[in-house]
């Protein structure tokens, strides 16, 4: 398995190696930012839901 991977890497031209490296470098920040935005969105949704539920409890208890 490892030998076939090494052969594949050696058979790829220099241009394709550069292209793969550039794609990986550009995709990495996009994945990180997507994760941060998703977690921030979930946090806001959770806080908003808690606030709404507390508001309903306040209204029903009065």
N, C-alpha and C. Protein backbone atom coordinates (compact mmCIF):
# COMPACT_ATOMS: atom_id res chain seq x y z
N UNK A 1 0.83 -1.19 0.00
CA UNK A 1 0.00 0.00 0.00
C UNK A 1 0.87 1.25 0.00
N UNK A 2 1.83 1.29 0.92
CA UNK A 2 2.71 2.45 1.01
C UNK A 2 3.58 2.57 -0.23
N UNK A 3 4.04 1.45 -0.76
CA UNK A 3 4.88 1.49 -1.96
C UNK A 3 4.10 2.00 -3.16
N UNK A 4 2.84 1.63 -3.28
CA UNK A 4 2.05 2.12 -4.40
C UNK A 4 1.80 3.62 -4.27
N UNK A 5 1.64 4.09 -3.04
CA UNK A 5 1.46 5.52 -2.81
C UNK A 5 2.73 6.29 -3.18
N UNK A 6 3.87 5.75 -2.81
CA UNK A 6 5.15 6.39 -3.15
C UNK A 6 5.35 6.41 -4.66
N UNK A 7 5.00 5.32 -5.35
CA UNK A 7 5.11 5.29 -6.80
C UNK A 7 4.19 6.32 -7.44
N UNK A 8 3.00 6.45 -6.89
CA UNK A 8 2.05 7.42 -7.43
C UNK A 8 2.56 8.84 -7.26
N UNK A 9 3.12 9.14 -6.09
CA UNK A 9 3.66 10.48 -5.84
C UNK A 9 4.84 10.76 -6.77
N UNK A 10 5.69 9.77 -6.98
CA UNK A 10 6.84 9.96 -7.86
C UNK A 10 6.45 10.11 -9.31
N UNK A 11 5.31 9.52 -9.69
CA UNK A 11 4.91 9.60 -11.09
C UNK A 11 4.18 10.90 -11.43
N UNK A 12 3.72 11.63 -10.42
CA UNK A 12 3.03 12.90 -10.66
C UNK A 12 4.07 13.95 -11.05
N UNK A 13 3.71 14.75 -12.04
CA UNK A 13 4.64 15.79 -12.49
C UNK A 13 4.74 16.90 -11.44
N UNK A 14 5.78 17.71 -11.60
CA UNK A 14 6.03 18.80 -10.65
C UNK A 14 4.88 19.80 -10.67
N UNK A 15 4.33 20.08 -11.85
CA UNK A 15 3.21 21.01 -11.97
C UNK A 15 2.02 20.51 -11.16
N UNK A 16 1.71 19.23 -11.26
CA UNK A 16 0.57 18.68 -10.53
C UNK A 16 0.83 18.67 -9.02
N UNK A 17 2.05 18.46 -8.63
CA UNK A 17 2.38 18.53 -7.20
C UNK A 17 2.16 19.95 -6.68
N UNK A 18 2.59 20.94 -7.45
CA UNK A 18 2.38 22.33 -7.06
C UNK A 18 0.89 22.65 -7.00
N UNK A 19 0.14 22.17 -7.98
CA UNK A 19 -1.29 22.42 -8.02
C UNK A 19 -1.99 21.81 -6.80
N UNK A 20 -1.64 20.61 -6.44
CA UNK A 20 -2.23 19.96 -5.27
C UNK A 20 -1.88 20.73 -4.00
N UNK A 21 -0.63 21.18 -3.90
CA UNK A 21 -0.21 21.95 -2.72
C UNK A 21 -0.97 23.27 -2.61
N UNK A 22 -1.14 23.96 -3.72
CA UNK A 22 -1.86 25.23 -3.71
C UNK A 22 -3.32 25.01 -3.35
N UNK A 23 -3.92 23.96 -3.90
CA UNK A 23 -5.32 23.65 -3.58
C UNK A 23 -5.47 23.35 -2.09
N UNK A 24 -4.54 22.59 -1.53
CA UNK A 24 -4.61 22.25 -0.10
C UNK A 24 -4.46 23.49 0.76
N UNK A 25 -3.54 24.37 0.37
CA UNK A 25 -3.32 25.60 1.14
C UNK A 25 -4.56 26.50 1.08
N UNK A 26 -5.24 26.54 -0.05
CA UNK A 26 -6.43 27.37 -0.17
C UNK A 26 -7.65 26.74 0.51
N UNK A 27 -7.73 25.44 0.54
CA UNK A 27 -8.89 24.76 1.14
C UNK A 27 -8.80 24.78 2.66
N UNK A 28 -7.62 24.70 3.21
CA UNK A 28 -7.46 24.63 4.66
C UNK A 28 -8.10 25.82 5.39
N UNK A 29 -7.84 27.07 5.02
CA UNK A 29 -8.51 28.18 5.72
C UNK A 29 -10.02 28.18 5.52
N UNK A 30 -10.48 27.74 4.35
CA UNK A 30 -11.92 27.67 4.11
C UNK A 30 -12.59 26.67 5.05
N UNK A 31 -11.95 25.54 5.26
CA UNK A 31 -12.50 24.53 6.16
C UNK A 31 -12.51 25.06 7.60
N UNK A 32 -11.43 25.71 7.99
CA UNK A 32 -11.34 26.25 9.36
C UNK A 32 -12.42 27.33 9.57
N UNK A 33 -12.56 28.25 8.62
CA UNK A 33 -13.55 29.31 8.76
C UNK A 33 -14.97 28.76 8.72
N UNK A 34 -15.20 27.75 7.91
CA UNK A 34 -16.53 27.13 7.87
C UNK A 34 -16.87 26.52 9.22
N UNK A 35 -15.91 25.85 9.83
CA UNK A 35 -16.13 25.27 11.15
C UNK A 35 -16.40 26.33 12.20
N UNK A 36 -15.65 27.42 12.15
CA UNK A 36 -15.86 28.49 13.12
C UNK A 36 -17.22 29.16 12.94
N UNK A 37 -17.60 29.40 11.69
CA UNK A 37 -18.91 30.01 11.44
C UNK A 37 -20.04 29.09 11.86
N UNK A 38 -19.88 27.80 11.61
CA UNK A 38 -20.91 26.83 12.00
C UNK A 38 -21.06 26.78 13.51
N UNK A 39 -19.94 26.74 14.22
CA UNK A 39 -20.02 26.68 15.68
C UNK A 39 -20.59 27.98 16.25
N UNK A 40 -20.22 29.11 15.64
CA UNK A 40 -20.76 30.39 16.09
C UNK A 40 -22.26 30.47 15.83
N UNK A 41 -22.70 29.96 14.70
CA UNK A 41 -24.12 29.94 14.37
C UNK A 41 -24.89 29.08 15.36
N UNK A 42 -24.34 27.92 15.70
CA UNK A 42 -24.99 27.04 16.68
C UNK A 42 -25.06 27.71 18.04
N UNK A 43 -24.01 28.40 18.42
CA UNK A 43 -23.98 29.10 19.71
C UNK A 43 -25.06 30.19 19.75
N UNK A 44 -25.16 30.97 18.67
CA UNK A 44 -26.19 32.02 18.60
C UNK A 44 -27.59 31.42 18.64
N UNK A 45 -27.77 30.31 17.91
CA UNK A 45 -29.08 29.66 17.90
C UNK A 45 -29.45 29.16 19.30
N UNK A 46 -28.48 28.56 19.97
CA UNK A 46 -28.73 28.05 21.32
C UNK A 46 -29.08 29.20 22.27
N UNK A 47 -28.30 30.29 22.22
CA UNK A 47 -28.57 31.43 23.09
C UNK A 47 -29.93 32.05 22.80
N UNK A 48 -30.27 32.16 21.52
CA UNK A 48 -31.56 32.71 21.14
C UNK A 48 -32.69 31.81 21.62
N UNK A 49 -32.54 30.52 21.48
CA UNK A 49 -33.57 29.57 21.92
C UNK A 49 -33.77 29.66 23.43
N UNK A 50 -32.66 29.74 24.17
CA UNK A 50 -32.76 29.87 25.64
C UNK A 50 -33.47 31.16 26.01
N UNK A 51 -33.12 32.24 25.31
CA UNK A 51 -33.75 33.53 25.60
C UNK A 51 -35.26 33.49 25.31
N UNK A 52 -35.64 32.87 24.20
CA UNK A 52 -37.06 32.78 23.85
C UNK A 52 -37.80 31.92 24.86
N UNK A 53 -37.20 30.81 25.25
CA UNK A 53 -37.87 29.93 26.21
C UNK A 53 -38.00 30.61 27.57
N UNK A 54 -37.01 31.36 27.99
CA UNK A 54 -37.11 32.09 29.24
C UNK A 54 -38.17 33.17 29.17
N UNK A 55 -38.29 33.80 28.02
CA UNK A 55 -39.31 34.82 27.82
C UNK A 55 -40.72 34.20 27.89
N UNK A 56 -40.89 33.02 27.33
CA UNK A 56 -42.20 32.35 27.39
C UNK A 56 -42.51 31.94 28.82
N UNK A 57 -41.51 31.47 29.56
CA UNK A 57 -41.73 31.10 30.95
C UNK A 57 -42.11 32.31 31.78
N UNK A 58 -41.50 33.44 31.49
CA UNK A 58 -41.79 34.67 32.21
C UNK A 58 -43.24 35.10 31.94
N UNK A 59 -43.65 35.01 30.68
CA UNK A 59 -45.01 35.42 30.30
C UNK A 59 -46.04 34.48 30.94
N UNK A 60 -45.78 33.18 30.93
CA UNK A 60 -46.75 32.24 31.48
C UNK A 60 -46.80 32.27 32.98
N UNK A 61 -45.70 32.69 33.63
CA UNK A 61 -45.70 32.71 35.09
C UNK A 61 -46.33 33.97 35.66
N UNK A 62 -46.55 34.99 34.86
CA UNK A 62 -47.13 36.25 35.37
C UNK A 62 -48.63 36.20 35.48
